[in-house]
PDB file of N, CA and C in Angstrom:
ATOM      1  N   MET A   1      47.343 135.608 130.620  1.00  0.00           N
ATOM      2  CA  MET A   1      47.196 134.216 130.987  1.00  0.00           C
ATOM      3  C   MET A   1      47.199 134.051 132.502  1.00  0.00           C
ATOM      4  N   PHE A   2      48.092 134.767 133.171  1.00  0.00           N
ATOM      5  CA  PHE A   2      48.182 134.668 134.622  1.00  0.00           C
ATOM      6  C   PHE A   2      46.902 135.148 135.294  1.00  0.00           C
ATOM      7  N   GLU A   3      46.283 136.204 134.725  1.00  0.00           N
ATOM      8  CA  GLU A   3      45.051 136.717 135.324  1.00  0.00           C
ATOM      9  C   GLU A   3      43.902 135.723 135.186  1.00  0.00           C
ATOM     10  N   ARG A   4      43.890 134.931 134.114  1.00  0.00           N
ATOM     11  CA  ARG A   4      42.845 133.905 133.963  1.00  0.00           C
ATOM     12  C   ARG A   4      43.008 132.813 135.024  1.00  0.00           C
ATOM     13  N   ILE A   5      44.243 132.490 135.350  1.00  0.00           N
ATOM     14  CA  ILE A   5      44.479 131.496 136.396  1.00  0.00           C
ATOM     15  C   ILE A   5      43.990 132.031 137.739  1.00  0.00           C
ATOM     16  N   LEU A   6      44.287 133.291 138.032  1.00  0.00           N
ATOM     17  CA  LEU A   6      43.830 133.884 139.288  1.00  0.00           C
ATOM     18  C   LEU A   6      42.309 133.958 139.353  1.00  0.00           C
ATOM     19  N   ILE A   7      41.676 134.317 138.249  1.00  0.00           N
ATOM     20  CA  ILE A   7      40.213 134.384 138.213  1.00  0.00           C
ATOM     21  C   ILE A   7      39.616 133.001 138.451  1.00  0.00           C
ATOM     22  N   GLY A   8      40.211 131.958 137.866  1.00  0.00           N
ATOM     23  CA  GLY A   8      39.734 130.601 138.088  1.00  0.00           C
ATOM     24  C   GLY A   8      39.822 130.185 139.540  1.00  0.00           C
ATOM     25  N   LEU A   9      40.916 130.548 140.193  1.00  0.00           N
ATOM     26  CA  LEU A   9      41.062 130.231 141.617  1.00  0.00           C
ATOM     27  C   LEU A   9      40.053 130.997 142.466  1.00  0.00           C
ATOM     28  N   VAL A  10      39.835 132.267 142.131  1.00  0.00           N
ATOM     29  CA  VAL A  10      38.877 133.077 142.878  1.00  0.00           C
ATOM     30  C   VAL A  10      37.460 132.525 142.700  1.00  0.00           C
ATOM     31  N   ILE A  11      37.124 132.107 141.490  1.00  0.00           N
ATOM     32  CA  ILE A  11      35.805 131.506 141.261  1.00  0.00           C
ATOM     33  C   ILE A  11      35.665 130.239 142.095  1.00  0.00           C
ATOM     34  N   GLY A  12      36.731 129.450 142.198  1.00  0.00           N
ATOM     35  CA  GLY A  12      36.692 128.261 143.038  1.00  0.00           C
ATOM     36  C   GLY A  12      36.495 128.590 144.504  1.00  0.00           C
ATOM     37  N   PHE A  13      37.180 129.640 144.987  1.00  0.00           N
ATOM     38  CA  PHE A  13      37.023 130.066 146.382  1.00  0.00           C
ATOM     39  C   PHE A  13      35.579 130.477 146.664  1.00  0.00           C
ATOM     40  N   VAL A  14      35.045 131.329 145.808  1.00  0.00           N
ATOM     41  CA  VAL A  14      33.692 131.849 146.034  1.00  0.00           C
ATOM     42  C   VAL A  14      32.655 130.744 145.898  1.00  0.00           C
ATOM     43  N   SER A  15      32.850 129.839 144.950  1.00  0.00           N
ATOM     44  CA  SER A  15      31.871 128.761 144.787  1.00  0.00           C
ATOM     45  C   SER A  15      31.895 127.803 145.976  1.00  0.00           C
ATOM     46  N   ALA A  16      33.020 127.662 146.643  1.00  0.00           N
ATOM     47  CA  ALA A  16      33.066 126.821 147.846  1.00  0.00           C
ATOM     48  C   ALA A  16      32.187 127.409 148.939  1.00  0.00           C
ATOM     49  N   PHE A  17      32.178 128.729 149.069  1.00  0.00           N
ATOM     50  CA  PHE A  17      31.305 129.356 150.053  1.00  0.00           C
ATOM     51  C   PHE A  17      29.844 129.317 149.603  1.00  0.00           C
ATOM     52  N   ALA A  18      29.617 129.440 148.302  1.00  0.00           N
ATOM     53  CA  ALA A  18      28.248 129.433 147.794  1.00  0.00           C
ATOM     54  C   ALA A  18      27.599 128.068 147.959  1.00  0.00           C
ATOM     55  N   PHE A  19      28.368 126.999 147.761  1.00  0.00           N
ATOM     56  CA  PHE A  19      27.823 125.651 147.822  1.00  0.00           C
ATOM     57  C   PHE A  19      28.176 124.947 149.128  1.00  0.00           C
ATOM     58  N   LYS A  20      28.468 125.720 150.172  1.00  0.00           N
ATOM     59  CA  LYS A  20      28.863 125.142 151.453  1.00  0.00           C
ATOM     60  C   LYS A  20      27.758 124.265 152.036  1.00  0.00           C
ATOM     61  N   ASP A  21      26.517 124.706 151.969  1.00  0.00           N
ATOM     62  CA  ASP A  21      25.410 123.930 152.530  1.00  0.00           C
ATOM     63  C   ASP A  21      25.196 122.633 151.768  1.00  0.00           C
ATOM     64  N   VAL A  22      25.381 122.655 150.475  1.00  0.00           N
ATOM     65  CA  VAL A  22      25.160 121.464 149.653  1.00  0.00           C
ATOM     66  C   VAL A  22      26.227 120.422 149.920  1.00  0.00           C
ATOM     67  N   THR A  23      27.478 120.849 150.088  1.00  0.00           N
ATOM     68  CA  THR A  23      28.567 119.892 150.273  1.00  0.00           C
ATOM     69  C   THR A  23      28.634 119.352 151.694  1.00  0.00           C
ATOM     70  N   GLU A  24      28.048 120.056 152.662  1.00  0.00           N
ATOM     71  CA  GLU A  24      28.082 119.572 154.034  1.00  0.00           C
ATOM     72  C   GLU A  24      26.995 118.549 154.307  1.00  0.00           C
ATOM     73  N   GLY A  25      26.052 118.357 153.392  1.00  0.00           N
ATOM     74  CA  GLY A  25      25.002 117.369 153.575  1.00  0.00           C
ATOM     75  C   GLY A  25      23.935 117.805 154.549  1.00  0.00           C
ATOM     76  N   SER A  26      23.683 119.100 154.626  1.00  0.00           N
ATOM     77  CA  SER A  26      22.643 119.568 155.530  1.00  0.00           C
ATOM     78  C   SER A  26      21.275 119.178 154.992  1.00  0.00           C
ATOM     79  N   GLU A  27      20.322 119.087 155.880  1.00  0.00           N
ATOM     80  CA  GLU A  27      18.991 118.657 155.476  1.00  0.00           C
ATOM     81  C   GLU A  27      18.263 119.739 154.699  1.00  0.00           C
ATOM     82  N   GLN A  28      18.558 120.978 154.996  1.00  0.00           N
ATOM     83  CA  GLN A  28      17.909 122.075 154.293  1.00  0.00           C
ATOM     84  C   GLN A  28      18.759 122.438 153.070  1.00  0.00           C
ATOM     85  N   GLN A  29      18.328 121.990 151.926  1.00  0.00           N
ATOM     86  CA  GLN A  29      19.090 122.247 150.705  1.00  0.00           C
ATOM     87  C   GLN A  29      18.267 123.091 149.749  1.00  0.00           C
ATOM     88  N   ASN A  30      18.077 124.322 150.117  1.00  0.00           N
ATOM     89  CA  ASN A  30      17.363 125.247 149.251  1.00  0.00           C
ATOM     90  C   ASN A  30      18.347 125.834 148.251  1.00  0.00           C
ATOM     91  N   THR A  31      17.965 125.812 147.002  1.00  0.00           N
ATOM     92  CA  THR A  31      18.804 126.423 145.975  1.00  0.00           C
ATOM     93  C   THR A  31      18.413 127.888 145.883  1.00  0.00           C
ATOM     94  N   ASN A  32      19.326 128.744 146.257  1.00  0.00           N
ATOM     95  CA  ASN A  32      19.011 130.160 146.178  1.00  0.00           C
ATOM     96  C   ASN A  32      19.608 130.763 144.909  1.00  0.00           C
ATOM     97  N   VAL A  33      19.310 132.013 144.712  1.00  0.00           N
ATOM     98  CA  VAL A  33      19.719 132.703 143.492  1.00  0.00           C
ATOM     99  C   VAL A  33      21.239 132.785 143.395  1.00  0.00           C
ATOM    100  N   PHE A  34      21.909 132.958 144.521  1.00  0.00           N
ATOM    101  CA  PHE A  34      23.374 133.080 144.504  1.00  0.00           C
ATOM    102  C   PHE A  34      24.032 131.783 144.022  1.00  0.00           C
ATOM    103  N   GLN A  35      23.489 130.642 144.434  1.00  0.00           N
ATOM    104  CA  GLN A  35      24.049 129.368 143.978  1.00  0.00           C
ATOM    105  C   GLN A  35      23.840 129.177 142.480  1.00  0.00           C
ATOM    106  N   ILE A  36      22.678 129.543 141.983  1.00  0.00           N
ATOM    107  CA  ILE A  36      22.428 129.445 140.541  1.00  0.00           C
ATOM    108  C   ILE A  36      23.353 130.379 139.786  1.00  0.00           C
ATOM    109  N   PHE A  37      23.518 131.589 140.293  1.00  0.00           N
ATOM    110  CA  PHE A  37      24.397 132.569 139.647  1.00  0.00           C
ATOM    111  C   PHE A  37      25.844 132.072 139.625  1.00  0.00           C
ATOM    112  N   MET A  38      26.310 131.492 140.731  1.00  0.00           N
ATOM    113  CA  MET A  38      27.678 130.957 140.761  1.00  0.00           C
ATOM    114  C   MET A  38      27.834 129.795 139.791  1.00  0.00           C
ATOM    115  N   GLY A  39      26.822 128.948 139.698  1.00  0.00           N
ATOM    116  CA  GLY A  39      26.871 127.855 138.739  1.00  0.00           C
ATOM    117  C   GLY A  39      26.984 128.353 137.310  1.00  0.00           C
ATOM    118  N   LEU A  40      26.250 129.408 136.987  1.00  0.00           N
ATOM    119  CA  LEU A  40      26.328 129.991 135.645  1.00  0.00           C
ATOM    120  C   LEU A  40      27.690 130.625 135.386  1.00  0.00           C
ATOM    121  N   ILE A  41      28.260 131.269 136.398  1.00  0.00           N
ATOM    122  CA  ILE A  41      29.595 131.863 136.242  1.00  0.00           C
ATOM    123  C   ILE A  41      30.636 130.778 135.997  1.00  0.00           C
ATOM    124  N   VAL A  42      30.538 129.680 136.748  1.00  0.00           N
ATOM    125  CA  VAL A  42      31.486 128.576 136.574  1.00  0.00           C
ATOM    126  C   VAL A  42      31.369 127.999 135.169  1.00  0.00           C
ATOM    127  N   LEU A  43      30.141 127.766 134.719  1.00  0.00           N
ATOM    128  CA  LEU A  43      29.950 127.218 133.368  1.00  0.00           C
ATOM    129  C   LEU A  43      30.434 128.180 132.286  1.00  0.00           C
ATOM    130  N   ALA A  44      30.188 129.470 132.474  1.00  0.00           N
ATOM    131  CA  ALA A  44      30.641 130.451 131.490  1.00  0.00           C
ATOM    132  C   ALA A  44      32.165 130.528 131.439  1.00  0.00           C
ATOM    133  N   PHE A  45      32.807 130.468 132.593  1.00  0.00           N
ATOM    134  CA  PHE A  45      34.269 130.531 132.621  1.00  0.00           C
ATOM    135  C   PHE A  45      34.875 129.297 131.950  1.00  0.00           C
ATOM    136  N   ILE A  46      34.319 128.138 132.243  1.00  0.00           N
ATOM    137  CA  ILE A  46      34.830 126.910 131.626  1.00  0.00           C
ATOM    138  C   ILE A  46      34.570 126.924 130.131  1.00  0.00           C
ATOM    139  N   GLY A  47      33.368 127.365 129.721  1.00  0.00           N
ATOM    140  CA  GLY A  47      33.050 127.431 128.299  1.00  0.00           C
ATOM    141  C   GLY A  47      33.930 128.400 127.540  1.00  0.00           C
ATOM    142  N   SER A  48      34.183 129.559 128.128  1.00  0.00           N
ATOM    143  CA  SER A  48      35.043 130.538 127.445  1.00  0.00           C
ATOM    144  C   SER A  48      36.484 130.045 127.386  1.00  0.00           C
ATOM    145  N   SER A  49      36.899 129.267 128.376  1.00  0.00           N
ATOM    146  CA  SER A  49      38.256 128.728 128.339  1.00  0.00           C
ATOM    147  C   SER A  49      38.384 127.644 127.275  1.00  0.00           C
ATOM    148  N   PHE A  50      37.346 126.829 127.113  1.00  0.00           N
ATOM    149  CA  PHE A  50      37.379 125.803 126.065  1.00  0.00           C
ATOM    150  C   PHE A  50      37.385 126.418 124.670  1.00  0.00           C
ATOM    151  N   MET A  51      36.914 127.653 124.533  1.00  0.00           N
ATOM    152  CA  MET A  51      36.957 128.316 123.227  1.00  0.00           C
ATOM    153  C   MET A  51      38.397 128.570 122.790  1.00  0.00           C
ATOM    154  N   PHE A  52      39.312 128.710 123.730  1.00  0.00           N
ATOM    155  CA  PHE A  52      40.723 128.912 123.405  1.00  0.00           C
ATOM    156  C   PHE A  52      41.446 127.593 123.157  1.00  0.00           C
ATOM    157  N   GLY A  53      40.827 126.485 123.515  1.00  0.00           N
ATOM    158  CA  GLY A  53      41.429 125.179 123.291  1.00  0.00           C
ATOM    159  C   GLY A  53      41.149 124.248 124.455  1.00  0.00           C
ATOM    160  N   ALA A  54      41.340 122.971 124.208  1.00  0.00           N
ATOM    161  CA  ALA A  54      41.044 121.965 125.222  1.00  0.00           C
ATOM    162  C   ALA A  54      41.974 122.078 126.430  1.00  0.00           C
ATOM    163  N   VAL A  55      43.212 122.446 126.189  1.00  0.00           N
ATOM    164  CA  VAL A  55      44.165 122.569 127.293  1.00  0.00           C
ATOM    165  C   VAL A  55      43.723 123.673 128.252  1.00  0.00           C
ATOM    166  N   PHE A  56      43.290 124.804 127.697  1.00  0.00           N
ATOM    167  CA  PHE A  56      42.848 125.911 128.542  1.00  0.00           C
ATOM    168  C   PHE A  56      41.553 125.558 129.273  1.00  0.00           C
ATOM    169  N   GLY A  57      40.675 124.816 128.621  1.00  0.00           N
ATOM    170  CA  GLY A  57      39.441 124.390 129.273  1.00  0.00           C
ATOM    171  C   GLY A  57      39.706 123.458 130.439  1.00  0.00           C
ATOM    172  N   LEU A  58      40.604 122.518 130.243  1.00  0.00           N
ATOM    173  CA  LEU A  58      40.947 121.604 131.331  1.00  0.00           C
ATOM    174  C   LEU A  58      41.679 122.320 132.460  1.00  0.00           C
ATOM    175  N   MET A  59      42.486 123.309 132.098  1.00  0.00           N
ATOM    176  CA  MET A  59      43.130 124.118 133.130  1.00  0.00           C
ATOM    177  C   MET A  59      42.100 124.875 133.951  1.00  0.00           C
ATOM    178  N   ALA A  60      41.046 125.379 133.298  1.00  0.00           N
ATOM    179  CA  ALA A  60      39.992 126.107 134.010  1.00  0.00           C
ATOM    180  C   ALA A  60      39.278 125.196 134.995  1.00  0.00           C
ATOM    181  N   VAL A  61      38.988 123.977 134.571  1.00  0.00           N
ATOM    182  CA  VAL A  61      38.347 123.020 135.474  1.00  0.00           C
ATOM    183  C   VAL A  61      39.257 122.742 136.671  1.00  0.00           C
ATOM    184  N   GLY A  62      40.538 122.577 136.413  1.00  0.00           N
ATOM    185  CA  GLY A  62      41.500 122.335 137.487  1.00  0.00           C
ATOM    186  C   GLY A  62      41.624 123.505 138.438  1.00  0.00           C
ATOM    187  N   GLU A  63      41.639 124.719 137.909  1.00  0.00           N
ATOM    188  CA  GLU A  63      41.761 125.905 138.752  1.00  0.00           C
ATOM    189  C   GLU A  63      40.564 126.026 139.687  1.00  0.00           C
ATOM    190  N   ILE A  64      39.378 125.826 139.149  1.00  0.00           N
ATOM    191  CA  ILE A  64      38.173 125.926 139.972  1.00  0.00           C
ATOM    192  C   ILE A  64      38.170 124.827 141.027  1.00  0.00           C
ATOM    193  N   ALA A  65      38.564 123.624 140.633  1.00  0.00           N
ATOM    194  CA  ALA A  65      38.596 122.509 141.588  1.00  0.00           C
ATOM    195  C   ALA A  65      39.622 122.754 142.688  1.00  0.00           C
ATOM    196  N   ILE A  66      40.773 123.279 142.335  1.00  0.00           N
ATOM    197  CA  ILE A  66      41.805 123.565 143.339  1.00  0.00           C
ATOM    198  C   ILE A  66      41.316 124.620 144.329  1.00  0.00           C
ATOM    199  N   GLY A  67      40.731 125.699 143.817  1.00  0.00           N
ATOM    200  CA  GLY A  67      40.206 126.736 144.708  1.00  0.00           C
ATOM    201  C   GLY A  67      39.116 126.210 145.622  1.00  0.00           C
ATOM    202  N   PHE A  68      38.234 125.380 145.075  1.00  0.00           N
ATOM    203  CA  PHE A  68      37.144 124.797 145.855  1.00  0.00           C
ATOM    204  C   PHE A  68      37.686 123.890 146.953  1.00  0.00           C
ATOM    205  N   LEU A  69      38.635 123.028 146.610  1.00  0.00           N
ATOM    206  CA  LEU A  69      39.169 122.084 147.582  1.00  0.00           C
ATOM    207  C   LEU A  69      40.015 122.763 148.662  1.00  0.00           C
ATOM    208  N   VAL A  70      40.730 123.817 148.299  1.00  0.00           N
ATOM    209  CA  VAL A  70      41.535 124.543 149.291  1.00  0.00           C
ATOM    210  C   VAL A  70      40.628 125.154 150.359  1.00  0.00           C
ATOM    211  N   VAL A  71      39.550 125.783 149.921  1.00  0.00           N
ATOM    212  CA  VAL A  71      38.639 126.403 150.885  1.00  0.00           C
ATOM    213  C   VAL A  71      37.958 125.339 151.737  1.00  0.00           C
ATOM    214  N   ARG A  72      37.563 124.227 151.150  1.00  0.00           N
ATOM    215  CA  ARG A  72      36.921 123.165 151.940  1.00  0.00           C
ATOM    216  C   ARG A  72      37.879 122.606 152.987  1.00  0.00           C
ATOM    217  N   ASN A  73      39.144 122.426 152.617  1.00  0.00           N
ATOM    218  CA  ASN A  73      40.123 121.915 153.587  1.00  0.00           C
ATOM    219  C   ASN A  73      40.390 122.923 154.704  1.00  0.00           C
ATOM    220  N   ILE A  74      40.435 124.200 154.369  1.00  0.00           N
ATOM    221  CA  ILE A  74      40.634 125.228 155.387  1.00  0.00           C
ATOM    222  C   ILE A  74      39.445 125.273 156.339  1.00  0.00           C
ATOM    223  N   MET A  75      38.231 125.159 155.789  1.00  0.00           N
ATOM    224  CA  MET A  75      37.043 125.182 156.653  1.00  0.00           C
ATOM    225  C   MET A  75      36.981 123.943 157.535  1.00  0.00           C
ATOM    226  N   LYS A  76      37.407 122.789 157.020  1.00  0.00           N
ATOM    227  CA  LYS A  76      37.422 121.572 157.846  1.00  0.00           C
ATOM    228  C   LYS A  76      38.413 121.713 159.002  1.00  0.00           C
ATOM    229  N   GLN A  77      39.584 122.266 158.711  1.00  0.00           N
ATOM    230  CA  GLN A  77      40.594 122.432 159.759  1.00  0.00           C
ATOM    231  C   GLN A  77      40.145 123.453 160.797  1.00  0.00           C
ATOM    232  N   SER A  78      39.482 124.511 160.375  1.00  0.00           N
ATOM    233  CA  SER A  78      39.037 125.522 161.336  1.00  0.00           C
ATOM    234  C   SER A  78      37.907 124.979 162.205  1.00  0.00           C
ATOM    235  N   ARG A  79      37.064 124.092 161.672  1.00  0.00           N
ATOM    236  CA  ARG A  79      35.997 123.492 162.472  1.00  0.00           C
ATOM    237  C   ARG A  79      36.537 122.458 163.441  1.00  0.00           C
ATOM    238  N   ALA A  80      37.621 121.807 163.080  1.00  0.00           N
ATOM    239  CA  ALA A  80      38.197 120.757 163.932  1.00  0.00           C
ATOM    240  C   ALA A  80      38.874 121.353 165.169  1.00  0.00           C
ATOM    241  N   ASP A  81      39.328 122.604 165.042  1.00  0.00           N
ATOM    242  CA  ASP A  81      40.035 123.237 166.177  1.00  0.00           C
ATOM    243  C   ASP A  81      39.122 123.720 167.247  1.00  0.00           C
TER     244      ASP A  81
END
């Protein structure tokens, strides 16, 4: 169970870097293969977690969101300095 939580956080971290251009509102928004691949990984992880139950599925969504938001906040603070 603990390893699934860590994997969810890691997926959130990596997806924050993959979707960095999309979330910053840059004018060049090309969807590359890595972004599509990360999207599929996120959907597969959430889907496999929902197979164990709704609580685990919602936890997976939360883990990915937490990892994504932590990286975005760290990048904002590093840019502000």
